[in-house]
Protein backbone atom coordinates (compact mmCIF):
# COMPACT_ATOMS: atom_id res chain seq x y z
CA MET A 1 -25.69 -18.46 31.48
CA TRP A 2 -23.30 -15.24 32.19
CA PHE A 3 -20.08 -17.50 32.43
CA ILE A 4 -20.15 -18.54 28.78
CA TYR A 5 -21.40 -14.99 27.84
CA LEU A 6 -18.29 -13.75 29.27
CA LEU A 7 -16.20 -16.65 27.94
CA SER A 8 -17.43 -15.71 24.51
CA TRP A 9 -15.99 -12.03 25.12
CA VAL A 10 -12.68 -13.16 26.15
CA ALA A 11 -12.35 -15.70 23.24
CA LEU A 12 -13.39 -12.56 20.87
CA ALA A 13 -10.64 -10.47 22.20
CA ILE A 14 -8.11 -13.41 21.78
CA GLN A 15 -9.37 -13.89 18.23
CA ILE A 16 -8.87 -10.06 17.43
CA CYS A 17 -5.38 -10.46 18.92
CA LEU A 18 -4.39 -13.23 16.65
CA VAL A 19 -5.87 -11.78 13.64
CA THR A 20 -3.94 -8.68 14.23
CA LEU A 21 -0.78 -10.41 14.77
CA SER A 22 -1.08 -12.71 11.81
CA LEU A 23 -1.76 -9.33 9.62
CA ALA A 24 1.08 -7.65 11.04
CA ALA A 25 3.41 -10.94 10.35
CA GLY A 26 2.02 -10.96 6.75
CA LEU A 27 2.70 -7.62 6.07
CA TYR A 28 6.07 -7.77 7.21
CA TYR A 29 6.77 -10.80 5.07
CA LEU A 30 5.21 -8.85 1.82
CA ALA A 31 7.55 -5.75 2.54
CA GLU A 32 10.52 -8.17 2.83
CA LEU A 33 9.90 -9.25 -0.38
CA VAL A 34 8.97 -5.92 -1.93
CA GLU A 35 12.51 -4.74 -0.67
CA GLU A 36 14.20 -8.12 -2.17
CA TYR A 37 12.60 -8.45 -5.39
CA THR A 38 11.51 -4.75 -6.87
CA VAL A 39 11.97 -5.16 -10.64
CA LEU A 40 9.55 -8.24 -9.99
CA THR A 41 6.88 -6.32 -7.66
CA ALA A 42 7.13 -3.47 -10.37
CA LYS A 43 5.73 -5.99 -12.93
CA PHE A 44 3.24 -7.24 -10.56
CA ILE A 45 1.88 -3.83 -9.84
CA LYS A 46 1.72 -3.13 -13.56
CA ILE A 47 -0.39 -6.68 -14.21
CA LEU A 48 -2.69 -5.55 -11.06
CA LEU A 49 -3.43 -2.14 -12.94
CA ILE A 50 -4.00 -3.97 -16.61
CA PHE A 51 -6.13 -6.17 -14.41
CA THR A 52 -8.32 -3.68 -12.55
CA THR A 53 -8.54 -1.41 -16.07
CA VAL A 54 -10.14 -4.60 -17.58
CA VAL A 55 -12.71 -4.93 -14.61
CA PHE A 56 -13.66 -1.21 -14.67
CA ILE A 57 -14.56 -1.63 -18.62
CA GLY A 58 -16.47 -4.80 -17.93
CA LEU A 59 -18.71 -3.00 -15.18
CA ILE A 60 -19.36 -0.54 -18.03
CA LEU A 61 -19.99 -3.09 -20.65
CA PHE A 62 -21.87 -5.65 -18.51
CA GLU A 63 -23.34 -4.02 -15.29
CA ASP A 64 -25.35 -1.12 -14.36
CA PHE A 65 -22.63 0.80 -12.71
CA PRO A 66 -22.65 4.54 -13.38
CA TYR A 67 -19.86 6.16 -15.38
CA LYS A 68 -18.99 8.29 -12.81
CA VAL A 69 -17.88 5.74 -10.55
CA THR A 70 -15.90 3.47 -12.96
CA VAL A 71 -14.64 6.91 -15.06
CA VAL A 72 -13.19 7.78 -11.68
CA GLY A 73 -11.62 4.69 -11.21
CA LEU A 74 -10.22 4.53 -14.76
CA CYS A 75 -8.46 7.80 -13.93
CA SER A 76 -7.32 6.50 -10.51
CA ASN A 77 -5.40 3.77 -12.54
CA ALA A 78 -4.00 6.63 -14.72
CA VAL A 79 -2.75 8.51 -11.83
CA TYR A 80 -1.44 5.03 -10.05
CA SER A 81 0.78 4.23 -13.53
CA LEU A 82 2.58 7.46 -13.11
CA LEU A 83 4.05 6.09 -9.53
CA LEU A 84 5.56 3.28 -11.81
CA ASN A 85 7.86 5.86 -13.81
CA ASN A 86 10.25 5.92 -11.03
CA PHE A 87 9.56 2.81 -8.94
CA PRO A 88 10.55 2.09 -6.28
CA PHE A 89 11.72 5.54 -5.83
CA ILE A 90 8.17 6.89 -4.50
CA GLU A 91 8.59 10.22 -3.24
CA LEU A 92 5.89 11.22 -0.62
CA THR A 93 5.88 14.76 -1.59
CA SER A 94 5.85 14.17 -5.42
CA PRO A 95 2.59 15.26 -7.22
CA PRO A 96 1.65 11.59 -8.34
CA PHE A 97 1.62 10.54 -4.93
CA ILE A 98 -0.06 13.20 -3.60
CA LEU A 99 -2.81 12.82 -6.43
CA GLY A 100 -2.89 9.22 -5.89
CA CYS A 101 -4.07 10.02 -2.22
CA ILE A 102 -6.48 12.17 -3.31
CA MET A 103 -8.09 9.75 -5.65
CA VAL A 104 -8.03 6.74 -3.06
CA VAL A 105 -10.48 9.02 -1.31
CA VAL A 106 -12.58 10.36 -4.24
CA ASN A 107 -12.83 6.59 -5.30
CA HIS A 108 -13.96 5.40 -1.64
CA PHE A 109 -16.56 8.44 -1.31
CA PHE A 110 -18.15 7.79 -4.87
CA ALA A 111 -18.31 3.81 -4.22
CA PHE A 112 -19.86 4.47 -0.81
CA GLN A 113 -22.42 7.06 -2.49
CA TYR A 114 -23.49 4.34 -5.04
CA PHE A 115 -23.60 1.42 -2.32
CA ALA A 116 -25.56 3.27 0.11
CA THR A 117 -28.05 3.98 -2.81
CA VAL A 118 -28.00 0.80 -4.58
CA TRP A 119 -28.53 -2.70 -3.08
CA HIS A 120 -25.86 -5.20 -3.79
CA PRO A 121 -25.13 -8.61 -1.83
CA PHE A 122 -22.36 -8.20 0.40
CA ALA A 123 -20.21 -10.17 -1.41
CA GLU A 124 -20.61 -8.10 -4.53
CA VAL A 125 -19.65 -5.33 -2.62
CA LEU A 126 -16.64 -6.51 -0.98
CA ALA A 127 -15.50 -7.88 -4.44
CA TYR A 128 -15.78 -4.48 -5.83
CA PHE A 129 -13.78 -2.75 -3.07
CA THR A 130 -11.29 -5.46 -2.70
CA VAL A 131 -10.27 -5.54 -6.41
CA CYS A 132 -10.92 -2.24 -7.77
CA LEU A 133 -10.21 -0.16 -4.72
CA TRP A 134 -7.79 -1.87 -2.56
CA LEU A 135 -5.43 -4.16 -4.61
CA VAL A 136 -3.43 -1.36 -6.17
CA PRO A 137 -3.09 1.30 -3.45
CA PHE A 138 -2.06 -1.46 -1.01
CA SER A 139 0.60 -2.58 -3.00
CA PHE A 140 1.87 0.78 -3.24
CA PHE A 141 1.46 0.93 0.23
CA VAL A 142 3.44 -2.22 0.93
CA SER A 143 6.34 -0.97 -1.55
CA LEU A 144 7.01 2.39 0.43
CA SER A 145 9.99 1.13 2.09
CA ALA A 146 11.40 -0.56 -1.10
CA ASN A 147 13.73 1.92 -2.22
CA GLU A 148 15.32 2.05 1.09
CA ASN A 149 17.30 -0.97 0.61
CA ILE A 150 18.07 -0.14 -3.11
CA LEU A 151 21.78 0.33 -3.97
CA PRO A 152 22.85 3.92 -5.24
CA THR A 153 23.18 4.48 -8.90
CA THR A 154 23.23 7.17 -11.61
CA THR A 155 19.55 6.69 -12.72
CA GLU A 156 18.37 7.42 -9.20
CA PRO A 157 15.95 10.48 -9.36
CA HIS A 158 16.78 13.57 -7.29
CA GLN A 159 17.82 17.03 -8.11
CA ARG A 160 21.50 17.80 -7.73
CA THR A 161 22.02 20.98 -6.38
CA GLY A 162 25.88 21.05 -5.95
CA GLY A 163 27.89 21.49 -2.87
CA ASP A 164 30.00 18.78 -0.94
CA ASP A 165 27.12 16.63 -0.34
CA ASP A 166 26.30 16.02 -4.10
CA ASP A 167 28.08 12.89 -4.46
CA LEU A 168 26.09 9.54 -5.20
CA VAL A 169 27.32 7.80 -1.83
CA SER A 170 26.69 10.85 0.50
CA ASN A 171 23.20 11.27 -0.56
CA TYR A 172 22.24 7.43 -0.54
CA PHE A 173 23.54 7.41 2.99
CA LYS A 174 21.74 10.59 3.76
CA LYS A 175 18.29 9.23 2.44
CA LYS A 176 19.02 5.72 4.04
CA SER A 177 18.75 7.82 7.55
CA LYS A 178 15.58 8.98 6.61
CA ARG A 179 13.26 6.13 6.56
CA TYR A 180 9.80 6.04 6.45
CA GLY A 181 8.44 2.89 4.85
CA LEU A 182 6.55 0.27 6.54
CA LEU A 183 9.31 -1.95 7.55
CA SER A 184 10.79 1.15 9.38
CA ALA A 185 7.09 1.28 10.90
CA PHE A 186 7.50 -2.28 12.29
CA ASP A 187 10.94 -1.85 13.34
CA PHE A 188 9.98 1.42 15.34
CA LEU A 189 7.21 -0.84 16.96
CA LYS A 190 9.41 -3.43 17.75
CA GLU A 191 11.87 -1.73 19.35
CA LYS A 192 9.27 0.24 21.56
CA THR A 193 6.95 -2.70 22.63
CA LEU A 194 9.73 -5.79 22.60
CA PRO A 195 12.33 -5.88 25.08
CA SER A 196 15.91 -6.10 23.74
CA ARG A 197 17.82 -9.09 25.05
CA THR A 198 21.56 -8.36 25.68
CA LYS A 199 23.76 -11.74 25.78
CA THR A 200 26.28 -11.80 28.85
CA PHE A 201 29.22 -13.85 28.88
């Protein structure tokens, strides 16, 4: 009896490791796609914003959701749409990005508060969180590294302050040295955990 019980815990640990590896591989692949197709990604995020806005309006019209939950969701979408103005150049210190992070927390707070007091089936709760709370922020999270491989152009939004380092190319390489996206996090983990192989001839 105890042996099969112990075996079930070993199997659970293996399953968790496989799910984690699959999720990491999927995120890495999505980040690669976003870096390759930034214009298409911006259109896709815009479609997601329109879709979630329609869902919030549907919740107002056809469900008994409180207005504060849906209005906060609509305000969050308005804030997220500001990030598309300079996409894929997302600055972590810009007011729209900081406000978007705050709105993610506020949105989750109101959602948890509502679902803690009003019972809904688990599938409906998961559907609300997936579609209304996670889709758009997750797409922006995956695309954080998209501006690292964009070629420098005169339309890139940055402040020119004068001096020797103010030309377009040096600004581009200076920014390339400060990587902060999802791919750079995966590259850092790969360098720290996987041994590097050197070819000997």
